[in-house]
Protein backbone atom coordinates (compact mmCIF):
# COMPACT_ATOMS: atom_id res chain seq x y z
CA MET A 1 124.47 58.40 100.09
CA THR A 2 122.95 56.06 97.54
CA MET A 3 119.28 55.11 97.32
CA THR A 4 118.19 51.47 97.08
CA LEU A 5 115.17 50.36 95.06
CA ASP A 6 113.00 50.50 98.18
CA GLY A 7 114.01 54.13 98.81
CA GLU A 8 116.31 53.53 101.79
CA ALA A 9 119.57 55.46 102.04
CA GLN A 10 122.87 53.62 102.17
CA ALA A 11 126.24 55.07 103.09
CA ALA A 12 128.53 55.88 100.17
CA PRO A 13 131.80 57.76 99.85
CA MET A 14 131.22 61.52 99.83
CA ARG A 15 132.06 63.46 96.73
CA GLU A 16 134.46 66.32 97.33
CA ARG A 17 134.75 69.53 95.35
CA ASP A 18 136.64 72.69 96.26
CA GLY A 19 136.99 71.48 99.82
CA LEU A 20 133.26 70.85 100.31
CA LYS A 21 131.75 67.40 100.85
CA TYR A 22 128.52 66.24 99.20
CA PRO A 23 126.90 63.21 100.87
CA PHE A 24 124.17 62.52 98.29
CA ASP A 25 124.86 61.11 94.85
CA ALA A 26 121.29 61.43 93.56
CA ARG A 27 118.91 64.35 93.26
CA PRO A 28 115.18 63.92 93.97
CA GLU A 29 113.21 62.73 90.98
CA PRO A 30 110.19 64.83 89.94
CA GLY A 31 107.32 64.23 92.34
CA LYS A 32 109.51 62.33 94.82
CA THR A 33 111.88 63.16 97.66
CA VAL A 34 115.24 62.26 99.14
CA GLU A 35 115.33 61.99 102.94
CA VAL A 36 118.41 63.91 104.11
CA ALA A 37 117.82 63.30 107.84
CA SER A 38 115.10 61.64 109.87
CA GLY A 39 111.86 63.30 108.83
CA ILE A 40 113.56 65.90 106.60
CA HIS A 41 112.86 65.51 102.88
CA TRP A 42 114.49 67.23 99.91
CA VAL A 43 112.23 68.19 96.98
CA ARG A 44 113.47 69.67 93.71
CA LEU A 45 111.26 71.90 91.54
CA PRO A 46 111.97 73.36 88.08
CA LEU A 47 112.36 77.09 87.46
CA PRO A 48 111.71 78.90 84.15
CA PHE A 49 114.93 80.90 84.54
CA GLN A 50 118.60 80.51 83.71
CA LEU A 51 118.93 79.15 87.23
CA ASN A 52 116.69 76.21 86.43
CA HIS A 53 115.87 74.57 89.76
CA ILE A 54 115.11 75.21 93.41
CA ASN A 55 115.36 72.90 96.41
CA VAL A 56 112.43 73.03 98.81
CA TRP A 57 111.98 71.03 101.98
CA MET A 58 109.31 68.95 103.73
CA LEU A 59 109.63 68.51 107.50
CA GLU A 60 107.55 65.97 109.41
CA ASP A 61 105.23 67.91 111.72
CA GLY A 62 102.96 65.58 113.66
CA ASP A 63 100.30 64.33 111.27
CA GLY A 64 101.39 66.62 108.45
CA TRP A 65 104.23 68.47 106.78
CA ALA A 66 105.86 71.81 107.37
CA ILE A 67 107.07 73.12 104.02
CA VAL A 68 110.09 75.38 103.70
CA ASP A 69 110.03 77.41 100.44
CA THR A 70 107.56 76.71 97.68
CA GLY A 71 108.81 77.25 94.12
CA VAL A 72 107.60 79.83 91.64
CA ALA A 73 103.88 80.15 90.92
CA SER A 74 103.32 77.96 87.86
CA SER A 75 101.08 75.09 86.83
CA ALA A 76 104.13 72.83 86.58
CA SER A 77 105.12 73.53 90.19
CA LYS A 78 101.55 73.00 91.41
CA ASP A 79 101.38 69.64 89.63
CA LEU A 80 104.67 68.55 91.18
CA TRP A 81 103.50 69.55 94.65
CA ARG A 82 100.36 67.47 94.15
CA GLN A 83 102.45 64.49 93.03
CA THR A 84 104.94 64.87 95.84
CA LEU A 85 102.36 65.20 98.60
CA ALA A 86 100.46 62.20 97.24
CA HIS A 87 103.69 60.21 97.07
CA MET A 88 104.37 61.11 100.71
CA GLY A 89 101.05 59.77 101.93
CA GLY A 90 98.63 62.58 101.15
CA LYS A 91 99.02 64.20 104.57
CA THR A 92 98.09 67.83 105.15
CA VAL A 93 100.42 70.84 105.22
CA THR A 94 100.66 72.32 108.72
CA LYS A 95 102.99 75.27 108.13
CA VAL A 96 104.38 77.15 105.12
CA ILE A 97 107.74 78.72 105.95
CA VAL A 98 109.42 81.06 103.46
CA THR A 99 113.08 81.97 103.80
CA HIS A 100 112.78 85.21 101.81
CA LEU A 101 110.72 87.22 99.33
CA HIS A 102 112.01 86.11 95.90
CA PRO A 103 109.41 84.44 93.67
CA ASP A 104 111.15 81.05 93.47
CA HIS A 105 110.82 80.85 97.26
CA VAL A 106 107.51 82.60 98.00
CA GLY A 107 105.73 81.98 94.70
CA LEU A 108 103.32 79.25 95.79
CA ALA A 109 103.12 80.18 99.47
CA GLY A 110 99.71 81.78 99.03
CA TRP A 111 98.41 78.79 97.08
CA LEU A 112 99.61 76.28 99.68
CA THR A 113 98.36 78.26 102.68
CA LYS A 114 94.92 78.61 101.11
CA LYS A 115 94.74 75.01 99.92
CA PHE A 116 95.60 73.57 103.34
CA ASN A 117 94.43 76.40 105.61
CA ALA A 118 97.99 76.59 106.92
CA PRO A 119 99.74 79.64 108.43
CA LEU A 120 102.49 81.50 106.58
CA TYR A 121 105.77 82.16 108.39
CA MET A 122 108.08 84.90 107.04
CA SER A 123 110.24 87.72 108.31
CA ARG A 124 108.32 90.98 108.51
CA THR A 125 110.54 92.94 106.12
CA ASP A 126 110.40 90.31 103.40
CA TYR A 127 106.65 89.77 103.73
CA LEU A 128 105.89 93.47 103.43
CA LEU A 129 108.40 94.10 100.64
CA CYS A 130 107.05 91.14 98.70
CA ARG A 131 103.53 92.56 98.88
CA THR A 132 104.84 95.97 97.81
CA LEU A 133 106.63 94.55 94.78
CA VAL A 134 103.58 92.56 93.75
CA MET A 135 101.63 95.83 93.70
CA ASP A 136 103.94 97.02 90.89
CA THR A 137 102.64 94.28 88.58
CA GLY A 138 101.62 95.83 85.27
CA GLN A 139 102.78 99.32 86.25
CA PRO A 140 105.20 101.38 84.11
CA ALA A 141 108.80 101.73 85.22
CA PRO A 142 109.21 104.72 87.55
CA ALA A 143 111.29 107.73 86.58
CA GLU A 144 113.47 107.17 89.66
CA GLY A 145 114.41 103.73 88.38
CA VAL A 146 115.28 104.98 84.90
CA LEU A 147 117.48 107.74 86.33
CA PHE A 148 119.12 105.29 88.72
CA TYR A 149 120.15 102.86 85.99
CA LYS A 150 121.28 105.66 83.68
CA ALA A 151 123.50 107.01 86.48
CA ALA A 152 124.85 103.47 86.91
CA GLY A 153 125.97 103.54 83.27
CA PHE A 154 123.34 101.34 81.66
CA PRO A 155 123.19 101.80 77.85
CA ASP A 156 119.89 102.63 76.19
CA ASP A 157 119.09 99.03 75.24
CA GLN A 158 119.41 97.87 78.86
CA ILE A 159 117.26 100.77 80.03
CA GLU A 160 114.59 99.59 77.59
CA THR A 161 114.92 96.05 78.95
CA TYR A 162 114.39 97.42 82.45
CA LYS A 163 111.26 99.26 81.33
CA GLN A 164 109.87 96.17 79.63
CA ARG A 165 110.57 93.87 82.57
CA PHE A 166 109.49 96.22 85.34
CA GLY A 167 106.47 94.96 87.22
CA GLY A 168 107.11 91.33 86.36
CA PHE A 169 107.82 90.28 89.95
CA GLY A 170 104.20 89.53 90.74
CA MET A 171 103.79 87.25 87.73
CA GLY A 172 105.58 84.51 89.66
CA VAL A 173 103.84 85.03 93.01
CA HIS A 174 100.43 83.65 93.95
CA ARG A 175 98.43 86.09 96.05
CA LEU A 176 99.74 86.07 99.61
CA PRO A 177 97.47 85.71 102.64
CA GLN A 178 96.54 88.92 104.42
CA ALA A 179 98.16 87.73 107.66
CA PHE A 180 101.43 86.01 108.52
CA LEU A 181 103.44 84.83 111.52
CA ARG A 182 106.68 86.74 111.94
CA LEU A 183 110.11 85.08 111.97
CA VAL A 184 112.85 86.88 113.90
CA ASP A 185 116.51 86.14 114.53
CA GLY A 186 117.01 83.77 117.46
CA GLN A 187 113.38 82.61 117.52
CA GLU A 188 112.74 78.89 117.94
CA LEU A 189 110.05 76.93 116.10
CA GLN A 190 108.81 73.54 117.21
CA ILE A 191 108.31 71.39 114.12
CA GLY A 192 107.44 67.81 114.92
CA LYS A 193 109.99 66.46 117.38
CA ASN A 194 112.62 69.08 116.56
CA ARG A 195 113.28 72.68 117.54
CA TRP A 196 114.55 74.96 114.80
CA ARG A 197 116.36 78.23 115.45
CA ILE A 198 115.84 81.12 113.04
CA VAL A 199 119.12 82.64 111.87
CA VAL A 200 118.70 85.85 109.87
CA GLY A 201 121.14 86.80 107.12
CA ARG A 202 121.13 89.94 104.99
CA GLY A 203 122.41 91.26 101.68
CA HIS A 204 120.70 88.90 99.25
CA ALA A 205 117.35 89.74 100.84
CA PRO A 206 116.55 92.28 103.54
CA GLU A 207 115.78 89.71 106.27
CA HIS A 208 116.54 86.19 105.05
CA ALA A 209 115.46 83.50 107.54
CA CYS A 210 117.54 80.32 107.69
CA LEU A 211 116.37 77.35 109.82
CA TRP A 212 118.98 75.63 112.00
CA CYS A 213 118.45 72.48 114.06
CA PRO A 214 121.60 71.93 116.18
CA GLU A 215 120.33 68.53 117.39
CA LEU A 216 120.01 67.26 113.83
CA LYS A 217 123.20 69.09 112.82
CA LEU A 218 121.31 70.51 109.84
CA MET A 219 120.56 73.98 108.44
CA ILE A 220 118.08 74.90 105.71
CA SER A 221 119.97 77.86 104.30
CA GLY A 222 117.82 79.11 101.40
CA ASP A 223 119.93 81.43 99.25
CA GLN A 224 122.03 82.70 102.16
CA ILE A 225 124.55 79.84 101.84
CA LEU A 226 125.02 78.22 98.42
CA PRO A 227 127.85 75.79 97.67
CA ARG A 228 128.91 76.66 94.12
CA ILE A 229 127.36 79.99 93.17
CA SER A 230 127.34 83.31 94.95
CA SER A 231 123.92 84.73 95.77
CA ASN A 232 122.84 87.85 93.93
CA VAL A 233 123.70 91.00 95.90
CA SER A 234 122.07 94.05 94.36
CA VAL A 235 121.49 97.75 94.86
CA PHE A 236 118.00 98.77 93.73
CA PRO A 237 116.46 102.14 92.79
CA THR A 238 114.16 102.05 95.82
CA GLU A 239 117.18 102.46 98.13
CA PRO A 240 120.00 103.84 95.97
CA ASP A 241 122.44 104.49 98.82
CA ALA A 242 122.09 101.05 100.40
CA ASN A 243 125.14 98.86 100.98
CA PRO A 244 123.86 95.29 100.68
CA LEU A 245 127.35 93.96 99.92
CA GLN A 246 128.55 94.99 103.38
CA GLU A 247 125.45 93.39 104.90
CA TRP A 248 126.20 90.24 102.93
CA LEU A 249 129.83 90.12 104.11
CA ASP A 250 128.80 90.78 107.71
CA SER A 251 126.34 87.88 107.46
CA CYS A 252 129.01 85.60 106.01
CA HIS A 253 131.32 86.39 108.95
CA HIS A 254 128.48 85.80 111.41
CA LEU A 255 127.47 82.46 109.89
CA ARG A 256 131.06 81.27 109.72
CA GLY A 257 131.45 81.82 113.44
CA LEU A 258 128.02 80.49 114.44
CA ILE A 259 127.41 77.26 112.51
CA PRO A 260 129.52 74.17 113.36
CA ASP A 261 131.38 72.57 110.47
CA ASP A 262 129.68 69.21 110.94
CA THR A 263 126.33 70.79 110.01
CA LEU A 264 124.65 69.55 106.84
CA ILE A 265 123.81 72.67 104.83
CA CYS A 266 120.65 72.27 102.76
CA PRO A 267 120.70 75.11 100.20
CA ALA A 268 118.08 76.35 97.76
CA HIS A 269 120.30 75.58 94.75
CA ASN A 270 122.88 72.87 94.02
CA GLU A 271 123.09 70.04 96.60
CA PRO A 272 123.33 69.59 100.39
CA PHE A 273 126.92 69.76 101.60
CA TYR A 274 129.32 69.85 104.54
CA GLY A 275 131.94 72.54 105.00
CA VAL A 276 130.08 75.70 105.94
CA LYS A 277 133.11 77.45 107.43
CA ARG A 278 135.19 76.85 104.32
CA ARG A 279 132.35 78.01 102.09
CA MET A 280 131.87 81.22 104.06
CA THR A 281 135.60 81.86 103.85
CA GLN A 282 135.53 81.28 100.10
CA LEU A 283 132.75 83.81 99.65
CA ILE A 284 134.39 86.41 101.88
CA ASP A 285 137.80 86.00 100.25
CA ASP A 286 136.35 86.12 96.75
CA HIS A 287 134.46 89.34 97.41
CA GLU A 288 137.14 91.10 99.42
CA GLY A 289 140.11 89.80 97.43
CA HIS A 290 138.74 90.53 93.99
CA GLY A 291 136.77 93.68 94.77
CA LEU A 292 133.37 92.48 93.68
CA SER A 293 131.13 95.40 92.74
CA ALA A 294 127.51 95.37 93.82
CA ILE A 295 125.37 93.94 91.04
CA VAL A 296 122.54 96.01 89.68
CA SER A 297 120.05 93.33 88.66
CA LEU A 298 116.93 93.44 86.53
CA GLY A 299 115.71 90.15 87.95
CA CYS A 300 115.40 88.38 91.27
CA ASN A 301 118.17 85.82 90.95
CA MET A 302 120.33 86.02 87.85
CA ALA A 303 123.19 83.82 89.05
CA ILE A 304 124.53 81.43 86.42
CA PRO A 305 123.70 77.85 87.39
CA ASP A 306 126.23 75.09 87.84
CA THR A 307 124.59 72.20 86.02
CA SER A 308 127.22 69.62 86.97
CA PHE A 309 126.54 67.26 89.86
């Protein structure tokens, strides 16, 4: 779609790339939004990482907004939220919904819930693991972690990098509220006029909650479905015998069978697109056909960004 000067969307030929279709030819400007469906607004926030942006979402919810994902905790992100909410009429925030525990998604959840006295919605596993990881802030790297990475073949310089970066998770996360509302697979949330079904995926995060509205033919997919990069799938020292890659592949198969192909996928990175079944097949074939090894990551999301549009 193209945007006119008064902000209205007009139909335009879809761009196609690798069999996927992209209906929007403009990204949201800082402090503004692009409406991807009636009452569903796309917001883009900067990230201080190699992957330099995140898409977050505002959903009309009566007299306010339900927010899905929040950006990393930073003064720049806070300023952009203030600008965006003012631009959208200064209405309150009614719900803060977080797809999973990584700082670019949960970072400002605590700030927003406190500022607007709004409830936090997360899956139980990701909420509790996020709080656990935040508790490591400023702590030295554990011996178990050092031994794990040495056994994985890390050279000494990478072991030192791990030691230096350990405990940094909490630097990007505002303090979470002491209570939350649990998201579970198959649950339905009423947000404004629409009902959203929670679809849980695994592998990238323990219990990643996607939001699917069949009536709108739209899914907010977080990092579980990305159009041009593959989500980080990592084994960590805390669970050295885990098999997140199998969980990831199982989730890809499940999503491919569940979500209709005419669904607009609204991902956390890159742009909204059509072609979920093809994208799931691409990810499955790439992993199974090329024998992708599980990534041992020192960060939360180290995928290389695609900066083209």
